[in-house]
Protein backbone atom coordinates (compact mmCIF):
# COMPACT_ATOMS: atom_id res chain seq x y z
CA MET A 1 0.00 0.00 0.00
CA ALA A 2 1.23 3.51 -0.78
CA TYR A 3 -0.08 6.94 0.14
CA TYR A 4 0.02 10.12 -1.93
CA VAL A 5 -0.87 13.74 -1.18
CA VAL A 6 -2.87 15.20 -4.08
CA GLY A 7 -4.84 18.35 -4.78
CA GLY A 8 -4.45 21.92 -5.86
CA GLU A 9 -6.68 24.85 -6.74
CA TYR A 10 -10.35 24.24 -7.48
CA ARG A 11 -12.77 26.43 -9.43
CA ASP A 12 -14.81 27.21 -6.30
CA THR A 13 -15.46 25.98 -2.77
CA THR A 14 -17.62 23.07 -3.89
CA PHE A 15 -14.28 21.38 -4.75
CA GLN A 16 -15.75 19.60 -7.76
CA GLU A 17 -13.48 20.90 -10.57
CA LEU A 18 -9.70 20.98 -10.15
CA VAL A 19 -8.32 23.84 -12.29
CA LYS A 20 -4.67 23.94 -11.20
CA PRO A 21 -3.52 20.53 -10.00
CA GLU A 22 -0.25 20.43 -8.10
CA PRO A 23 2.27 17.61 -8.46
CA ALA A 24 1.49 14.71 -6.15
CA ASP A 25 3.73 14.05 -3.15
CA GLY A 26 4.68 10.46 -2.57
CA PRO A 27 4.64 7.60 -2.52
CA TYR A 28 4.75 7.24 1.25
CA GLN A 29 4.71 3.79 2.78
CA ARG A 30 3.32 5.00 6.10
CA TYR A 31 0.17 7.06 6.55
CA GLU A 32 1.93 9.12 9.22
CA ASP A 33 4.52 10.32 6.69
CA ALA A 34 1.82 11.24 4.18
CA PHE A 35 -0.05 13.08 6.93
CA ILE A 36 3.01 15.22 7.66
CA ALA A 37 3.33 16.10 3.96
CA TRP A 38 -0.41 16.89 3.78
CA ARG A 39 -0.22 19.09 6.89
CA ASN A 40 2.71 21.06 5.44
CA ARG A 41 0.85 21.71 2.18
CA ALA A 42 -2.39 22.56 3.96
CA ARG A 43 -0.64 25.02 6.27
CA ALA A 44 1.17 26.68 3.35
CA THR A 45 -2.16 27.34 1.59
CA ILE A 46 -4.41 27.93 4.61
CA ASP A 47 -5.47 31.41 3.42
CA LEU A 48 -6.52 30.21 -0.04
CA ALA A 49 -10.18 29.17 0.17
CA THR A 50 -10.20 27.24 -3.12
CA VAL A 51 -7.09 25.14 -2.49
CA ARG A 52 -7.45 21.69 -0.97
CA PHE A 53 -5.23 18.65 -0.56
CA GLN A 54 -6.06 15.12 0.49
CA ILE A 55 -4.33 11.84 1.18
CA VAL A 56 -5.16 8.98 -1.17
CA ARG A 57 -4.24 5.34 -0.77
CA THR A 58 -3.28 3.04 -3.60
CA VAL A 59 -3.41 -0.71 -3.38
CA GLU A 60 -0.98 -2.82 -5.34
CA SER A 61 -2.81 -5.10 -7.70
CA ALA A 62 -2.74 -8.73 -6.75
CA VAL A 63 -1.10 -11.20 -9.06
CA ILE A 64 -3.77 -13.63 -10.19
CA THR A 65 -2.64 -17.00 -11.45
CA PRO A 66 -4.98 -19.31 -13.30
CA ALA A 67 -6.37 -22.17 -11.24
CA GLU A 68 -5.39 -25.71 -12.07
CA PRO A 69 -8.03 -27.43 -14.22
CA SER A 70 -10.21 -29.69 -12.16
CA ALA A 71 -10.12 -33.45 -12.76
CA GLY A 72 -13.56 -33.40 -14.35
CA SER A 73 -12.95 -30.54 -16.81
CA ARG A 74 -11.43 -30.74 -20.27
CA ALA A 75 -8.58 -28.42 -21.02
């Protein structure tokens, strides 16, 4: 699992349309490290009402191997 800090400037305070995305910070292996990065960005932009950052988590995709054919099936 990895964590990233993403966000930037939105069109308005509904935070629906991102107009100036900032480069993502990360990956962080620990949530605590991502939280520190988020807090630093949030504090730096605290006076800007249309700027917001959040922490997102990514999950590594699992490797799926085909199952062995059962004795009763034809391959």
